[in-house]
Amino acid sequence: MFNRLIESQPHKQKMAGGTLFSIIFHGALVTAAVVATARAGIADDKTKQEKIQFVEMKKEPPPKPKEPPPPPPKEVFKAPPPKGFQVLRAPVEIPIKIPDIDLTKKVTDEADFSGKGVKGGIATGVVGGTAKPTNEPYFEFQVEKPVSQIPGTGTPRYPDALRASGVEGEVQAQFIVNEEGRAETGSFKVLKATNDLFASAVRAAMPQMRFYAAEVGGKKVRQLVQQSFQFKLDR
């Protein structure tokens, strides 16, 4: 019995040494695992930090304020034309070339020129309607009292160069005389001239010319005038 107890003591010491070694070994493994895991986490964090990219977002412009809708158009009352007749007016610009005429189309309504009713109206108009005001010039044959020049006003000056050369000539001009008896210079047009100097002399004298205005029904009106100016030398 004594012998058995002595032999069992070294066996216990061997077991205690192995246990201590196992604890140290496993502790080292755990420590190594913890360190490795920590380093991996740090490396992973660094990798994640390196992959972070900042993107600048464009700011959208503020929405434009909506414009208010336009107001509805105002209703325009159109007065019916009066029942009456039309009067032919003199065209200011007389075309040189005759335009093509379509004989299948009706140019005018002969009923509008019957002379019945209100002047400026139409045959299909309404009694009591309003005529559209017009200021077109009249022809000479349409007025009761045609335009006539007041003697001694605005006589064209004979060009010195043509007088010295003994040249005579004539100018046929067209213009409008208004209700005040003055020639509208913007309507002046030379129809025919034997010399440009004669035409220039007539044009220059227009603002000084005075006329008796044309009359229709005792009222002064505008008239389209065609007048000849003679340049003659005393021989």
Protein backbone atom coordinates (compact mmCIF):
# COMPACT_ATOMS: atom_id res chain seq x y z
CA MET A 1 0.00 0.00 0.00
CA PHE A 2 2.77 2.42 0.77
CA ASN A 3 4.44 1.58 -2.51
CA ARG A 4 1.33 2.41 -4.53
CA LEU A 5 1.00 5.82 -2.94
CA ILE A 6 4.58 6.76 -3.72
CA GLU A 7 4.22 5.80 -7.38
CA SER A 8 0.98 7.74 -7.88
CA GLN A 9 2.53 11.13 -6.96
CA PRO A 10 4.63 11.58 -10.15
CA HIS A 11 1.59 10.69 -12.25
CA LYS A 12 -0.36 13.59 -10.75
CA GLN A 13 2.53 15.97 -11.38
CA LYS A 14 2.61 14.91 -15.04
CA MET A 15 -1.09 15.62 -15.39
CA ALA A 16 -0.76 19.02 -13.78
CA GLY A 17 2.05 19.99 -16.15
CA GLY A 18 0.07 18.91 -19.21
CA THR A 19 -2.94 20.89 -18.12
CA LEU A 20 -0.87 24.01 -17.64
CA PHE A 21 0.64 23.60 -21.09
CA SER A 22 -2.78 23.10 -22.62
CA ILE A 23 -4.09 26.24 -20.96
CA ILE A 24 -1.13 28.30 -22.16
CA PHE A 25 -1.37 26.85 -25.69
CA HIS A 26 -5.08 27.45 -26.04
CA GLY A 27 -4.71 30.90 -24.51
CA ALA A 28 -2.10 31.72 -27.12
CA LEU A 29 -4.41 30.46 -29.88
CA VAL A 30 -7.29 32.55 -28.59
CA THR A 31 -5.07 35.61 -28.28
CA ALA A 32 -3.75 35.08 -31.80
CA ALA A 33 -7.29 34.69 -33.12
CA VAL A 34 -8.43 37.85 -31.36
CA VAL A 35 -5.47 39.83 -32.68
CA ALA A 36 -5.97 38.48 -36.19
CA THR A 37 -9.66 39.29 -36.08
CA ALA A 38 -8.96 42.82 -34.82
CA ARG A 39 -6.40 43.42 -37.55
CA ALA A 40 -8.77 42.07 -40.18
CA GLY A 41 -11.46 44.42 -38.92
CA ILE A 42 -9.11 47.38 -39.03
CA ALA A 43 -7.96 46.44 -42.53
CA ASP A 44 -11.57 46.01 -43.59
CA ASP A 45 -12.42 49.42 -42.15
CA LYS A 46 -9.52 50.96 -44.04
CA THR A 47 -10.71 49.30 -47.24
CA LYS A 48 -14.19 50.60 -46.68
CA GLN A 49 -12.88 54.07 -45.96
CA GLU A 50 -10.82 54.06 -49.13
CA LYS A 51 -13.87 53.13 -51.22
CA ILE A 52 -15.99 56.01 -49.96
CA GLN A 53 -16.68 58.56 -52.74
CA PHE A 54 -18.34 61.91 -52.32
CA VAL A 55 -20.78 62.84 -55.10
CA GLU A 56 -21.93 66.42 -55.35
CA MET A 57 -25.62 66.54 -56.17
CA LYS A 58 -26.77 69.26 -58.54
CA LYS A 59 -29.32 71.55 -57.02
CA GLU A 60 -32.47 71.81 -59.08
CA PRO A 61 -33.47 75.39 -59.96
CA PRO A 62 -36.54 76.67 -58.19
CA PRO A 63 -39.72 76.28 -60.23
CA LYS A 64 -40.71 79.31 -62.27
CA PRO A 65 -43.81 81.07 -61.09
CA LYS A 66 -46.79 80.33 -63.26
CA GLU A 67 -47.95 83.24 -65.38
CA PRO A 68 -51.58 84.14 -65.00
CA PRO A 69 -53.70 83.13 -68.00
CA PRO A 70 -54.42 85.93 -70.50
CA PRO A 71 -57.76 87.64 -70.09
CA PRO A 72 -60.47 86.54 -72.51
CA PRO A 73 -60.76 88.72 -75.63
CA LYS A 74 -63.26 91.48 -75.42
CA GLU A 75 -66.27 91.12 -77.58
CA VAL A 76 -66.23 93.71 -80.35
CA PHE A 77 -69.61 94.98 -81.35
CA LYS A 78 -69.88 95.46 -85.08
CA ALA A 79 -72.54 97.91 -86.13
CA PRO A 80 -74.58 96.80 -89.13
CA PRO A 81 -73.94 98.77 -92.34
CA PRO A 82 -76.63 101.27 -93.34
CA LYS A 83 -78.95 100.70 -96.21
CA GLY A 84 -77.68 102.91 -99.00
CA PHE A 85 -75.22 103.16 -101.85
CA GLN A 86 -71.50 103.39 -102.60
CA VAL A 87 -69.58 106.13 -104.40
CA LEU A 88 -66.67 105.39 -106.69
CA ARG A 89 -63.39 106.80 -105.41
CA ALA A 90 -60.36 107.87 -107.38
CA PRO A 91 -57.35 105.59 -106.94
CA VAL A 92 -54.21 107.45 -105.91
CA GLU A 93 -51.91 104.94 -107.60
CA ILE A 94 -52.94 104.23 -111.19
CA PRO A 95 -51.45 100.93 -112.40
CA ILE A 96 -49.58 101.05 -115.70
CA LYS A 97 -50.14 97.38 -116.46
CA ILE A 98 -53.70 96.14 -116.62
CA PRO A 99 -54.06 93.23 -114.18
CA ASP A 100 -55.60 89.92 -115.19
CA ILE A 101 -59.38 89.91 -114.82
CA ASP A 102 -61.35 86.86 -113.79
CA LEU A 103 -64.66 87.21 -115.62
CA THR A 104 -66.21 84.43 -113.53
CA LYS A 105 -66.02 86.52 -110.34
CA LYS A 106 -68.30 89.39 -109.48
CA VAL A 107 -66.26 92.53 -108.87
CA THR A 108 -69.00 94.80 -107.54
CA ASP A 109 -72.67 94.63 -106.77
CA GLU A 110 -74.55 96.94 -109.10
CA ALA A 111 -77.27 97.36 -106.47
CA ASP A 112 -74.75 99.15 -104.23
CA PHE A 113 -74.48 101.97 -106.79
CA SER A 114 -78.18 102.64 -107.26
CA GLY A 115 -78.03 106.03 -105.49
CA LYS A 116 -80.83 105.07 -103.11
CA GLY A 117 -80.51 105.32 -99.36
CA VAL A 118 -77.59 106.60 -97.30
CA LYS A 119 -74.27 107.46 -98.91
CA GLY A 120 -71.62 104.94 -97.91
CA GLY A 121 -74.11 102.16 -97.26
CA ILE A 122 -74.93 99.03 -99.24
CA ALA A 123 -78.09 97.70 -100.81
CA THR A 124 -78.37 94.89 -98.23
CA GLY A 125 -77.70 97.18 -95.27
CA VAL A 126 -79.96 97.92 -92.31
CA VAL A 127 -82.03 101.07 -91.98
CA GLY A 128 -80.40 103.18 -89.29
CA GLY A 129 -77.03 101.40 -89.56
CA THR A 130 -73.70 103.16 -89.21
CA ALA A 131 -71.62 103.86 -92.28
CA LYS A 132 -67.86 103.27 -92.13
CA PRO A 133 -66.10 106.64 -92.41
CA THR A 134 -64.00 107.04 -95.51
CA ASN A 135 -61.64 109.77 -96.69
CA GLU A 136 -60.92 108.61 -100.21
CA PRO A 137 -60.51 111.41 -102.78
CA TYR A 138 -63.16 112.07 -105.40
CA PHE A 139 -62.77 112.15 -109.15
CA GLU A 140 -63.48 115.43 -110.90
CA PHE A 141 -66.65 114.07 -112.49
CA GLN A 142 -68.00 113.08 -109.03
CA VAL A 143 -67.92 116.54 -107.45
CA GLU A 144 -70.32 119.40 -107.98
CA LYS A 145 -67.59 122.02 -107.82
CA PRO A 146 -64.12 120.82 -108.94
CA VAL A 147 -60.77 122.06 -107.68
CA SER A 148 -59.36 125.22 -109.23
CA GLN A 149 -56.06 126.94 -108.52
CA ILE A 150 -56.07 130.43 -107.02
CA PRO A 151 -54.27 132.67 -109.52
CA GLY A 152 -50.86 133.96 -108.54
CA THR A 153 -50.08 131.26 -105.98
CA GLY A 154 -47.19 128.84 -106.34
CA THR A 155 -46.20 129.58 -109.93
CA PRO A 156 -43.37 127.20 -110.95
CA ARG A 157 -40.03 128.94 -111.54
CA TYR A 158 -38.63 128.59 -115.04
CA PRO A 159 -35.27 126.76 -114.86
CA ASP A 160 -32.45 129.17 -115.77
CA ALA A 161 -30.53 126.61 -117.83
CA LEU A 162 -33.56 125.81 -119.99
CA ARG A 163 -34.51 129.48 -120.31
CA ALA A 164 -30.99 130.35 -121.49
CA SER A 165 -31.13 127.52 -124.00
CA GLY A 166 -34.56 128.59 -125.24
CA VAL A 167 -36.13 125.25 -124.29
CA GLU A 168 -39.88 125.12 -123.71
CA GLY A 169 -41.83 122.27 -122.26
CA GLU A 170 -44.77 120.84 -120.35
CA VAL A 171 -45.41 118.82 -117.19
CA GLN A 172 -48.52 116.76 -116.47
CA ALA A 173 -48.80 116.11 -112.74
CA GLN A 174 -51.23 114.28 -110.46
CA PHE A 175 -51.89 115.17 -106.82
CA ILE A 176 -54.62 115.43 -104.19
CA VAL A 177 -56.08 118.71 -102.98
CA ASN A 178 -57.52 118.49 -99.45
CA GLU A 179 -60.51 120.25 -97.91
CA GLU A 180 -58.32 123.23 -96.96
CA GLY A 181 -57.29 123.87 -100.57
CA ARG A 182 -53.70 122.65 -100.13
CA ALA A 183 -51.92 120.10 -102.27
CA GLU A 184 -50.84 116.97 -100.42
CA THR A 185 -47.16 116.83 -101.39
CA GLY A 186 -46.92 113.11 -100.59
CA SER A 187 -49.46 112.39 -103.35
CA PHE A 188 -47.54 114.31 -106.04
CA LYS A 189 -46.76 112.23 -109.10
CA VAL A 190 -45.35 113.21 -112.49
CA LEU A 191 -47.36 111.63 -115.30
CA LYS A 192 -45.41 113.22 -118.13
CA ALA A 193 -42.59 115.75 -118.45
CA THR A 194 -40.58 116.96 -121.42
CA ASN A 195 -37.62 117.66 -119.13
CA ASP A 196 -36.77 116.61 -115.56
CA LEU A 197 -35.88 120.21 -114.65
CA PHE A 198 -39.45 121.27 -115.45
CA ALA A 199 -40.80 118.45 -113.26
CA SER A 200 -38.53 119.51 -110.38
CA ALA A 201 -39.74 123.11 -110.69
CA VAL A 202 -43.40 122.04 -110.41
CA ARG A 203 -42.64 119.80 -107.42
CA ALA A 204 -40.83 122.66 -105.63
CA ALA A 205 -43.76 125.02 -106.18
CA MET A 206 -46.41 122.64 -104.79
CA PRO A 207 -46.22 123.73 -101.10
CA GLN A 208 -46.91 127.38 -102.10
CA MET A 209 -49.88 126.56 -104.33
CA ARG A 210 -53.39 127.33 -103.06
CA PHE A 211 -56.65 125.99 -104.50
CA TYR A 212 -60.37 126.37 -104.14
CA ALA A 213 -61.36 123.02 -102.64
CA ALA A 214 -63.85 120.72 -104.35
CA GLU A 215 -67.40 120.59 -103.01
CA VAL A 216 -70.13 117.96 -102.87
CA GLY A 217 -73.52 119.02 -101.51
CA GLY A 218 -72.02 122.26 -100.23
CA LYS A 219 -69.34 120.36 -98.26
CA LYS A 220 -65.63 120.60 -99.07
CA VAL A 221 -64.02 117.29 -100.01
CA ARG A 222 -60.68 115.91 -101.20
CA GLN A 223 -60.21 115.57 -104.94
CA LEU A 224 -57.68 113.88 -107.15
CA VAL A 225 -56.36 116.45 -109.61
CA GLN A 226 -54.54 116.02 -112.89
CA GLN A 227 -53.12 119.34 -114.04
CA SER A 228 -50.88 120.47 -116.87
CA PHE A 229 -48.15 123.09 -116.37
CA GLN A 230 -46.85 124.92 -119.45
CA PHE A 231 -43.39 126.47 -119.71
CA LYS A 232 -43.39 129.04 -122.53
CA LEU A 233 -40.87 131.77 -123.42
CA ASP A 234 -41.84 135.27 -124.52
CA ARG A 235 -40.59 135.72 -128.06
